[in-house]
């Protein structure tokens, strides 16, 4: 049997919330909850990158740690922007459909 999409996702299954619906595996991980978790993780990654950059100014962090955290934050932001663009394109496509 093919494993559920949520089982192979890098995001763990969030609790039921806004936009929650029964998923493939029968859990309550809806699209809205997954987006909420993505936004939360992106914000945390950006915060860690910003904190590392601030720590480098005071000499509390090594250059390698700063680069790793800033690159991780940049990657998270690029993923979030890509998902946002796909959602906007899907909405535009749906709004152009004739009923």
PDB file of N, CA and C in Angstrom:
ATOM      1  N   UNK A   1       0.841  -1.185   0.000  1.00  0.00           N
ATOM      2  CA  UNK A   1       0.000   0.000   0.000  1.00  0.00           C
ATOM      3  C   UNK A   1       0.878   1.238   0.000  1.00  0.00           C
ATOM      4  N   UNK A   2       0.457   2.254  -0.670  1.00  0.00           N
ATOM      5  CA  UNK A   2       1.188   3.517  -0.726  1.00  0.00           C
ATOM      6  C   UNK A   2       0.968   4.257   0.581  1.00  0.00           C
ATOM      7  N   UNK A   3       2.063   4.792   1.131  1.00  0.00           N
ATOM      8  CA  UNK A   3       1.948   5.512   2.399  1.00  0.00           C
ATOM      9  C   UNK A   3       1.254   6.851   2.176  1.00  0.00           C
ATOM     10  N   UNK A   4       0.550   7.372   3.200  1.00  0.00           N
ATOM     11  CA  UNK A   4      -0.135   8.660   3.070  1.00  0.00           C
ATOM     12  C   UNK A   4       0.858   9.782   2.809  1.00  0.00           C
ATOM     13  N   UNK A   5       0.386  10.818   2.149  1.00  0.00           N
ATOM     14  CA  UNK A   5       1.226  11.971   1.843  1.00  0.00           C
ATOM     15  C   UNK A   5       1.774  12.591   3.118  1.00  0.00           C
ATOM     16  N   UNK A   6       0.955  12.653   4.180  1.00  0.00           N
ATOM     17  CA  UNK A   6       1.393  13.273   5.422  1.00  0.00           C
ATOM     18  C   UNK A   6       2.537  12.506   6.067  1.00  0.00           C
ATOM     19  N   UNK A   7       2.632  11.209   5.793  1.00  0.00           N
ATOM     20  CA  UNK A   7       3.692  10.416   6.393  1.00  0.00           C
ATOM     21  C   UNK A   7       5.047  10.713   5.770  1.00  0.00           C
ATOM     22  N   UNK A   8       5.093  11.141   4.524  1.00  0.00           N
ATOM     23  CA  UNK A   8       6.357  11.424   3.866  1.00  0.00           C
ATOM     24  C   UNK A   8       6.680  12.908   3.852  1.00  0.00           C
ATOM     25  N   UNK A   9       5.792  13.723   4.359  1.00  0.00           N
ATOM     26  CA  UNK A   9       5.997  15.161   4.378  1.00  0.00           C
ATOM     27  C   UNK A   9       7.032  15.532   5.423  1.00  0.00           C
ATOM     28  N   UNK A  10       7.888  16.544   5.156  1.00  0.00           N
ATOM     29  CA  UNK A  10       8.843  16.981   6.175  1.00  0.00           C
ATOM     30  C   UNK A  10       8.155  17.662   7.351  1.00  0.00           C
ATOM     31  N   UNK A  11       6.921  18.062   7.158  1.00  0.00           N
ATOM     32  CA  UNK A  11       6.167  18.687   8.234  1.00  0.00           C
ATOM     33  C   UNK A  11       5.428  17.615   9.006  1.00  0.00           C
ATOM     34  N   UNK A  12       5.464  17.660  10.313  1.00  0.00           N
ATOM     35  CA  UNK A  12       4.700  16.687  11.078  1.00  0.00           C
ATOM     36  C   UNK A  12       3.229  17.050  11.016  1.00  0.00           C
ATOM     37  N   UNK A  13       2.378  16.078  11.266  1.00  0.00           N
ATOM     38  CA  UNK A  13       0.931  16.304  11.153  1.00  0.00           C
ATOM     39  C   UNK A  13       0.466  17.248  12.254  1.00  0.00           C
ATOM     40  N   UNK A  14      -0.091  18.399  11.910  1.00  0.00           N
ATOM     41  CA  UNK A  14      -0.562  19.345  12.910  1.00  0.00           C
ATOM     42  C   UNK A  14      -1.931  18.940  13.443  1.00  0.00           C
ATOM     43  N   UNK A  15      -2.320  19.573  14.505  1.00  0.00           N
ATOM     44  CA  UNK A  15      -3.638  19.329  15.078  1.00  0.00           C
ATOM     45  C   UNK A  15      -4.706  19.934  14.181  1.00  0.00           C
ATOM     46  N   UNK A  16      -5.932  19.479  14.367  1.00  0.00           N
ATOM     47  CA  UNK A  16      -7.037  20.002  13.559  1.00  0.00           C
ATOM     48  C   UNK A  16      -7.211  21.487  13.846  1.00  0.00           C
ATOM     49  N   UNK A  17      -7.468  22.254  12.814  1.00  0.00           N
ATOM     50  CA  UNK A  17      -7.630  23.693  12.990  1.00  0.00           C
ATOM     51  C   UNK A  17      -8.377  24.260  11.818  1.00  0.00           C
ATOM     52  N   UNK A  18      -8.101  25.507  11.494  1.00  0.00           N
ATOM     53  CA  UNK A  18      -8.762  26.168  10.378  1.00  0.00           C
ATOM     54  C   UNK A  18      -8.430  25.417   9.105  1.00  0.00           C
ATOM     55  N   UNK A  19      -9.449  25.089   8.336  1.00  0.00           N
ATOM     56  CA  UNK A  19      -9.247  24.398   7.076  1.00  0.00           C
ATOM     57  C   UNK A  19      -8.983  22.922   7.228  1.00  0.00           C
ATOM     58  N   UNK A  20      -9.190  22.367   8.418  1.00  0.00           N
ATOM     59  CA  UNK A  20      -8.914  20.952   8.632  1.00  0.00           C
ATOM     60  C   UNK A  20      -9.964  20.098   7.949  1.00  0.00           C
ATOM     61  N   UNK A  21      -9.500  19.051   7.328  1.00  0.00           N
ATOM     62  CA  UNK A  21     -10.382  18.088   6.688  1.00  0.00           C
ATOM     63  C   UNK A  21      -9.736  16.727   6.817  1.00  0.00           C
ATOM     64  N   UNK A  22     -10.498  15.699   6.629  1.00  0.00           N
ATOM     65  CA  UNK A  22      -9.942  14.357   6.700  1.00  0.00           C
ATOM     66  C   UNK A  22      -8.922  14.185   5.588  1.00  0.00           C
ATOM     67  N   UNK A  23      -7.716  13.806   5.955  1.00  0.00           N
ATOM     68  CA  UNK A  23      -6.660  13.625   4.981  1.00  0.00           C
ATOM     69  C   UNK A  23      -6.664  12.219   4.419  1.00  0.00           C
ATOM     70  N   UNK A  24      -5.682  11.905   3.616  1.00  0.00           N
ATOM     71  CA  UNK A  24      -5.577  10.606   2.979  1.00  0.00           C
ATOM     72  C   UNK A  24      -5.442   9.512   4.022  1.00  0.00           C
ATOM     73  N   UNK A  25      -4.652   9.748   5.034  1.00  0.00           N
ATOM     74  CA  UNK A  25      -4.433   8.748   6.064  1.00  0.00           C
ATOM     75  C   UNK A  25      -5.524   8.711   7.110  1.00  0.00           C
ATOM     76  N   UNK A  26      -6.554   9.525   6.997  1.00  0.00           N
ATOM     77  CA  UNK A  26      -7.639   9.526   7.961  1.00  0.00           C
ATOM     78  C   UNK A  26      -7.411  10.481   9.120  1.00  0.00           C
ATOM     79  N   UNK A  27      -6.290  11.179   9.119  1.00  0.00           N
ATOM     80  CA  UNK A  27      -6.047  12.130  10.204  1.00  0.00           C
ATOM     81  C   UNK A  27      -6.679  13.473   9.856  1.00  0.00           C
ATOM     82  N   UNK A  28      -6.640  14.409  10.784  1.00  0.00           N
ATOM     83  CA  UNK A  28      -7.291  15.699  10.602  1.00  0.00           C
ATOM     84  C   UNK A  28      -6.318  16.782  10.151  1.00  0.00           C
ATOM     85  N   UNK A  29      -5.284  16.419   9.411  1.00  0.00           N
ATOM     86  CA  UNK A  29      -4.304  17.393   8.929  1.00  0.00           C
ATOM     87  C   UNK A  29      -4.817  18.017   7.643  1.00  0.00           C
ATOM     88  N   UNK A  30      -5.424  19.185   7.735  1.00  0.00           N
ATOM     89  CA  UNK A  30      -5.944  19.871   6.563  1.00  0.00           C
ATOM     90  C   UNK A  30      -4.913  20.793   5.959  1.00  0.00           C
ATOM     91  N   UNK A  31      -5.243  21.306   4.799  1.00  0.00           N
ATOM     92  CA  UNK A  31      -4.340  22.190   4.073  1.00  0.00           C
ATOM     93  C   UNK A  31      -4.056  23.466   4.853  1.00  0.00           C
ATOM     94  N   UNK A  32      -5.100  24.023   5.473  1.00  0.00           N
ATOM     95  CA  UNK A  32      -4.919  25.241   6.269  1.00  0.00           C
ATOM     96  C   UNK A  32      -3.978  25.027   7.434  1.00  0.00           C
ATOM     97  N   UNK A  33      -4.096  23.868   8.080  1.00  0.00           N
ATOM     98  CA  UNK A  33      -3.221  23.570   9.215  1.00  0.00           C
ATOM     99  C   UNK A  33      -1.779  23.387   8.755  1.00  0.00           C
ATOM    100  N   UNK A  34      -1.591  22.762   7.597  1.00  0.00           N
ATOM    101  CA  UNK A  34      -0.238  22.598   7.068  1.00  0.00           C
ATOM    102  C   UNK A  34       0.377  23.948   6.701  1.00  0.00           C
ATOM    103  N   UNK A  35      -0.434  24.843   6.130  1.00  0.00           N
ATOM    104  CA  UNK A  35       0.069  26.184   5.822  1.00  0.00           C
ATOM    105  C   UNK A  35       0.430  26.942   7.091  1.00  0.00           C
ATOM    106  N   UNK A  36      -0.395  26.787   8.109  1.00  0.00           N
ATOM    107  CA  UNK A  36      -0.128  27.437   9.389  1.00  0.00           C
ATOM    108  C   UNK A  36       1.200  26.959   9.959  1.00  0.00           C
ATOM    109  N   UNK A  37       1.444  25.657   9.874  1.00  0.00           N
ATOM    110  CA  UNK A  37       2.691  25.110  10.378  1.00  0.00           C
ATOM    111  C   UNK A  37       3.878  25.587   9.543  1.00  0.00           C
ATOM    112  N   UNK A  38       3.705  25.675   8.219  1.00  0.00           N
ATOM    113  CA  UNK A  38       4.767  26.170   7.353  1.00  0.00           C
ATOM    114  C   UNK A  38       5.141  27.606   7.702  1.00  0.00           C
ATOM    115  N   UNK A  39       4.135  28.439   7.919  1.00  0.00           N
ATOM    116  CA  UNK A  39       4.379  29.838   8.271  1.00  0.00           C
ATOM    117  C   UNK A  39       5.105  29.924   9.616  1.00  0.00           C
ATOM    118  N   UNK A  40       4.683  29.115  10.571  1.00  0.00           N
ATOM    119  CA  UNK A  40       5.316  29.112  11.891  1.00  0.00           C
ATOM    120  C   UNK A  40       6.780  28.698  11.794  1.00  0.00           C
ATOM    121  N   UNK A  41       7.054  27.633  11.049  1.00  0.00           N
ATOM    122  CA  UNK A  41       8.429  27.170  10.901  1.00  0.00           C
ATOM    123  C   UNK A  41       9.293  28.179  10.150  1.00  0.00           C
ATOM    124  N   UNK A  42       8.722  28.831   9.159  1.00  0.00           N
ATOM    125  CA  UNK A  42       9.464  29.851   8.414  1.00  0.00           C
ATOM    126  C   UNK A  42       9.810  31.032   9.311  1.00  0.00           C
ATOM    127  N   UNK A  43       8.845  31.462  10.111  1.00  0.00           N
ATOM    128  CA  UNK A  43       9.090  32.577  11.032  1.00  0.00           C
ATOM    129  C   UNK A  43      10.169  32.212  12.051  1.00  0.00           C
ATOM    130  N   UNK A  44      10.149  30.986  12.541  1.00  0.00           N
ATOM    131  CA  UNK A  44      11.170  30.551  13.494  1.00  0.00           C
ATOM    132  C   UNK A  44      12.550  30.516  12.843  1.00  0.00           C
ATOM    133  N   UNK A  45      12.612  30.039  11.605  1.00  0.00           N
ATOM    134  CA  UNK A  45      13.879  29.983  10.886  1.00  0.00           C
ATOM    135  C   UNK A  45      14.433  31.383  10.628  1.00  0.00           C
ATOM    136  N   UNK A  46      13.544  32.298  10.225  1.00  0.00           N
ATOM    137  CA  UNK A  46      13.983  33.683  10.010  1.00  0.00           C
ATOM    138  C   UNK A  46      14.450  34.323  11.307  1.00  0.00           C
ATOM    139  N   UNK A  47      13.763  34.033  12.398  1.00  0.00           N
ATOM    140  CA  UNK A  47      14.166  34.556  13.705  1.00  0.00           C
ATOM    141  C   UNK A  47      15.526  34.018  14.132  1.00  0.00           C
ATOM    142  N   UNK A  48      15.768  32.728  13.867  1.00  0.00           N
ATOM    143  CA  UNK A  48      17.063  32.138  14.217  1.00  0.00           C
ATOM    144  C   UNK A  48      18.182  32.753  13.391  1.00  0.00           C
ATOM    145  N   UNK A  49      17.912  33.007  12.116  1.00  0.00           N
ATOM    146  CA  UNK A  49      18.919  33.651  11.266  1.00  0.00           C
ATOM    147  C   UNK A  49      19.224  35.062  11.724  1.00  0.00           C
ATOM    148  N   UNK A  50      18.176  35.783  12.092  1.00  0.00           N
ATOM    149  CA  UNK A  50      18.361  37.156  12.579  1.00  0.00           C
ATOM    150  C   UNK A  50      19.122  37.178  13.907  1.00  0.00           C
ATOM    151  N   UNK A  51      18.795  36.235  14.789  1.00  0.00           N
ATOM    152  CA  UNK A  51      19.497  36.160  16.077  1.00  0.00           C
ATOM    153  C   UNK A  51      20.964  35.804  15.875  1.00  0.00           C
ATOM    154  N   UNK A  52      21.246  34.900  14.938  1.00  0.00           N
ATOM    155  CA  UNK A  52      22.638  34.526  14.660  1.00  0.00           C
ATOM    156  C   UNK A  52      23.412  35.706  14.090  1.00  0.00           C
ATOM    157  N   UNK A  53      22.764  36.474  13.219  1.00  0.00           N
ATOM    158  CA  UNK A  53      23.433  37.651  12.658  1.00  0.00           C
ATOM    159  C   UNK A  53      23.739  38.662  13.752  1.00  0.00           C
ATOM    160  N   UNK A  54      22.805  38.848  14.684  1.00  0.00           N
ATOM    161  CA  UNK A  54      23.044  39.755  15.804  1.00  0.00           C
ATOM    162  C   UNK A  54      24.145  39.253  16.724  1.00  0.00           C
ATOM    163  N   UNK A  55      24.185  37.930  16.918  1.00  0.00           N
ATOM    164  CA  UNK A  55      25.223  37.347  17.776  1.00  0.00           C
ATOM    165  C   UNK A  55      26.604  37.467  17.137  1.00  0.00           C
ATOM    166  N   UNK A  56      26.654  37.469  15.812  1.00  0.00           N
ATOM    167  CA  UNK A  56      27.958  37.593  15.152  1.00  0.00           C
ATOM    168  C   UNK A  56      28.541  38.987  15.335  1.00  0.00           C
ATOM    169  N   UNK A  57      27.664  39.981  15.458  1.00  0.00           N
ATOM    170  CA  UNK A  57      28.134  41.353  15.660  1.00  0.00           C
ATOM    171  C   UNK A  57      28.850  41.481  17.000  1.00  0.00           C
ATOM    172  N   UNK A  58      28.323  40.788  18.000  1.00  0.00           N
ATOM    173  CA  UNK A  58      28.929  40.843  19.331  1.00  0.00           C
ATOM    174  C   UNK A  58      30.050  39.832  19.500  1.00  0.00           C
ATOM    175  N   UNK A  59      30.238  38.955  18.488  1.00  0.00           N
ATOM    176  CA  UNK A  59      31.294  37.945  18.565  1.00  0.00           C
ATOM    177  C   UNK A  59      30.872  36.691  19.302  1.00  0.00           C
ATOM    178  N   UNK A  60      29.590  36.531  19.582  1.00  0.00           N
ATOM    179  CA  UNK A  60      29.104  35.373  20.328  1.00  0.00           C
ATOM    180  C   UNK A  60      28.871  34.162  19.437  1.00  0.00           C
ATOM    181  N   UNK A  61      28.876  34.328  18.126  1.00  0.00           N
ATOM    182  CA  UNK A  61      28.631  33.217  17.207  1.00  0.00           C
ATOM    183  C   UNK A  61      29.722  33.183  16.148  1.00  0.00           C
ATOM    184  N   UNK A  62      30.054  31.957  15.730  1.00  0.00           N
ATOM    185  CA  UNK A  62      31.077  31.819  14.684  1.00  0.00           C
ATOM    186  C   UNK A  62      30.473  32.154  13.326  1.00  0.00           C
ATOM    187  N   UNK A  63      31.333  32.467  12.394  1.00  0.00           N
ATOM    188  CA  UNK A  63      30.886  32.816  11.044  1.00  0.00           C
ATOM    189  C   UNK A  63      30.170  31.636  10.394  1.00  0.00           C
ATOM    190  N   UNK A  64      30.635  30.411  10.655  1.00  0.00           N
ATOM    191  CA  UNK A  64      30.007  29.231  10.062  1.00  0.00           C
ATOM    192  C   UNK A  64      28.578  29.062  10.565  1.00  0.00           C
ATOM    193  N   UNK A  65      28.351  29.256  11.867  1.00  0.00           N
ATOM    194  CA  UNK A  65      27.003  29.150  12.423  1.00  0.00           C
ATOM    195  C   UNK A  65      26.072  30.199  11.818  1.00  0.00           C
ATOM    196  N   UNK A  66      26.596  31.408  11.664  1.00  0.00           N
ATOM    197  CA  UNK A  66      25.788  32.490  11.100  1.00  0.00           C
ATOM    198  C   UNK A  66      25.398  32.168   9.666  1.00  0.00           C
ATOM    199  N   UNK A  67      26.358  31.714   8.869  1.00  0.00           N
ATOM    200  CA  UNK A  67      26.081  31.403   7.468  1.00  0.00           C
ATOM    201  C   UNK A  67      25.073  30.266   7.367  1.00  0.00           C
ATOM    202  N   UNK A  68      25.220  29.220   8.192  1.00  0.00           N
ATOM    203  CA  UNK A  68      24.282  28.099   8.158  1.00  0.00           C
ATOM    204  C   UNK A  68      22.856  28.548   8.492  1.00  0.00           C
ATOM    205  N   UNK A  69      22.717  29.352   9.527  1.00  0.00           N
ATOM    206  CA  UNK A  69      21.378  29.787   9.935  1.00  0.00           C
ATOM    207  C   UNK A  69      20.762  30.759   8.940  1.00  0.00           C
ATOM    208  N   UNK A  70      21.563  31.643   8.395  1.00  0.00           N
ATOM    209  CA  UNK A  70      21.038  32.594   7.413  1.00  0.00           C
ATOM    210  C   UNK A  70      20.656  31.868   6.123  1.00  0.00           C
ATOM    211  N   UNK A  71      21.447  30.896   5.694  1.00  0.00           N
ATOM    212  CA  UNK A  71      21.112  30.128   4.493  1.00  0.00           C
ATOM    213  C   UNK A  71      19.857  29.286   4.713  1.00  0.00           C
ATOM    214  N   UNK A  72      19.709  28.734   5.906  1.00  0.00           N
ATOM    215  CA  UNK A  72      18.504  27.976   6.231  1.00  0.00           C
ATOM    216  C   UNK A  72      17.273  28.885   6.212  1.00  0.00           C
ATOM    217  N   UNK A  73      17.417  30.080   6.750  1.00  0.00           N
ATOM    218  CA  UNK A  73      16.320  31.044   6.740  1.00  0.00           C
ATOM    219  C   UNK A  73      15.971  31.447   5.311  1.00  0.00           C
ATOM    220  N   UNK A  74      16.982  31.648   4.480  1.00  0.00           N
ATOM    221  CA  UNK A  74      16.734  32.019   3.084  1.00  0.00           C
ATOM    222  C   UNK A  74      16.012  30.893   2.342  1.00  0.00           C
ATOM    223  N   UNK A  75      16.419  29.658   2.591  1.00  0.00           N
ATOM    224  CA  UNK A  75      15.764  28.519   1.947  1.00  0.00           C
ATOM    225  C   UNK A  75      14.304  28.415   2.392  1.00  0.00           C
ATOM    226  N   UNK A  76      14.046  28.589   3.673  1.00  0.00           N
ATOM    227  CA  UNK A  76      12.670  28.545   4.176  1.00  0.00           C
ATOM    228  C   UNK A  76      11.820  29.641   3.549  1.00  0.00           C
ATOM    229  N   UNK A  77      12.378  30.820   3.426  1.00  0.00           N
ATOM    230  CA  UNK A  77      11.652  31.930   2.829  1.00  0.00           C
ATOM    231  C   UNK A  77      11.362  31.679   1.350  1.00  0.00           C
ATOM    232  N   UNK A  78      12.327  31.127   0.623  1.00  0.00           N
ATOM    233  CA  UNK A  78      12.118  30.826  -0.788  1.00  0.00           C
ATOM    234  C   UNK A  78      11.027  29.768  -0.976  1.00  0.00           C
ATOM    235  N   UNK A  79      10.978  28.787  -0.088  1.00  0.00           N
ATOM    236  CA  UNK A  79       9.927  27.765  -0.151  1.00  0.00           C
ATOM    237  C   UNK A  79       8.569  28.399   0.108  1.00  0.00           C
ATOM    238  N   UNK A  80       8.491  29.245   1.129  1.00  0.00           N
ATOM    239  CA  UNK A  80       7.222  29.908   1.452  1.00  0.00           C
ATOM    240  C   UNK A  80       6.759  30.800   0.298  1.00  0.00           C
ATOM    241  N   UNK A  81       7.671  31.505  -0.336  1.00  0.00           N
ATOM    242  CA  UNK A  81       7.320  32.357  -1.476  1.00  0.00           C
ATOM    243  C   UNK A  81       6.843  31.507  -2.649  1.00  0.00           C
ATOM    244  N   UNK A  82       7.493  30.394  -2.892  1.00  0.00           N
ATOM    245  CA  UNK A  82       7.079  29.499  -3.962  1.00  0.00           C
ATOM    246  C   UNK A  82       5.685  28.940  -3.742  1.00  0.00           C
ATOM    247  N   UNK A  83       5.388  28.548  -2.510  1.00  0.00           N
ATOM    248  CA  UNK A  83       4.053  28.033  -2.184  1.00  0.00           C
ATOM    249  C   UNK A  83       3.016  29.135  -2.329  1.00  0.00           C
ATOM    250  N   UNK A  84       3.345  30.334  -1.866  1.00  0.00           N
ATOM    251  CA  UNK A  84       2.424  31.464  -2.023  1.00  0.00           C
ATOM    252  C   UNK A  84       2.115  31.723  -3.485  1.00  0.00           C
ATOM    253  N   UNK A  85       3.148  31.699  -4.329  1.00  0.00           N
ATOM    254  CA  UNK A  85       2.950  31.936  -5.760  1.00  0.00           C
ATOM    255  C   UNK A  85       2.057  30.866  -6.383  1.00  0.00           C
ATOM    256  N   UNK A  86       2.237  29.615  -5.979  1.00  0.00           N
ATOM    257  CA  UNK A  86       1.398  28.533  -6.502  1.00  0.00           C
ATOM    258  C   UNK A  86      -0.049  28.715  -6.065  1.00  0.00           C
ATOM    259  N   UNK A  87      -0.267  29.141  -4.833  1.00  0.00           N
ATOM    260  CA  UNK A  87      -1.627  29.357  -4.336  1.00  0.00           C
ATOM    261  C   UNK A  87      -2.294  30.503  -5.097  1.00  0.00           C
ATOM    262  N   UNK A  88      -1.560  31.588  -5.319  1.00  0.00           N
ATOM    263  CA  UNK A  88      -2.106  32.727  -6.063  1.00  0.00           C
ATOM    264  C   UNK A  88      -2.434  32.321  -7.492  1.00  0.00           C
ATOM    265  N   UNK A  89      -1.547  31.545  -8.127  1.00  0.00           N
ATOM    266  CA  UNK A  89      -1.811  31.081  -9.491  1.00  0.00           C
ATOM    267  C   UNK A  89      -3.032  30.172  -9.536  1.00  0.00           C
ATOM    268  N   UNK A  90      -3.176  29.298  -8.553  1.00  0.00           N
ATOM    269  CA  UNK A  90      -4.336  28.404  -8.511  1.00  0.00           C
ATOM    270  C   UNK A  90      -5.616  29.211  -8.320  1.00  0.00           C
ATOM    271  N   UNK A  91      -5.584  30.204  -7.452  1.00  0.00           N
ATOM    272  CA  UNK A  91      -6.759  31.047  -7.235  1.00  0.00           C
ATOM    273  C   UNK A  91      -7.131  31.794  -8.515  1.00  0.00           C
ATOM    274  N   UNK A  92      -6.132  32.318  -9.199  1.00  0.00           N
ATOM    275  CA  UNK A  92      -6.381  33.032 -10.462  1.00  0.00           C
ATOM    276  C   UNK A  92      -6.996  32.095 -11.497  1.00  0.00           C
ATOM    277  N   UNK A  93      -6.481  30.879 -11.551  1.00  0.00           N
ATOM    278  CA  UNK A  93      -7.002  29.895 -12.497  1.00  0.00           C
ATOM    279  C   UNK A  93      -8.454  29.546 -12.172  1.00  0.00           C
ATOM    280  N   UNK A  94      -8.758  29.373 -10.908  1.00  0.00           N
ATOM    281  CA  UNK A  94     -10.127  29.032 -10.492  1.00  0.00           C
ATOM    282  C   UNK A  94     -11.064  30.205 -10.766  1.00  0.00           C
ATOM    283  N   UNK A  95     -10.617  31.423 -10.510  1.00  0.00           N
ATOM    284  CA  UNK A  95     -11.479  32.576 -10.711  1.00  0.00           C
ATOM    285  C   UNK A  95     -11.792  32.824 -12.188  1.00  0.00           C
ATOM    286  N   UNK A  96     -10.939  32.334 -13.097  1.00  0.00           N
ATOM    287  CA  UNK A  96     -11.198  32.486 -14.523  1.00  0.00           C
ATOM    288  C   UNK A  96     -12.131  31.417 -15.073  1.00  0.00           C
ATOM    289  N   UNK A  97     -12.401  30.378 -14.293  1.00  0.00           N
ATOM    290  CA  UNK A  97     -13.276  29.298 -14.774  1.00  0.00           C
ATOM    291  C   UNK A  97     -14.707  29.796 -14.928  1.00  0.00           C
ATOM    292  N   UNK A  98     -15.355  29.318 -15.964  1.00  0.00           N
ATOM    293  CA  UNK A  98     -16.767  29.644 -16.142  1.00  0.00           C
ATOM    294  C   UNK A  98     -17.601  28.586 -15.446  1.00  0.00           C
ATOM    295  N   UNK A  99     -18.678  29.049 -14.862  1.00  0.00           N
ATOM    296  CA  UNK A  99     -19.548  28.127 -14.121  1.00  0.00           C
ATOM    297  C   UNK A  99     -20.796  27.855 -14.921  1.00  0.00           C
TER     298      UNK A  99
END
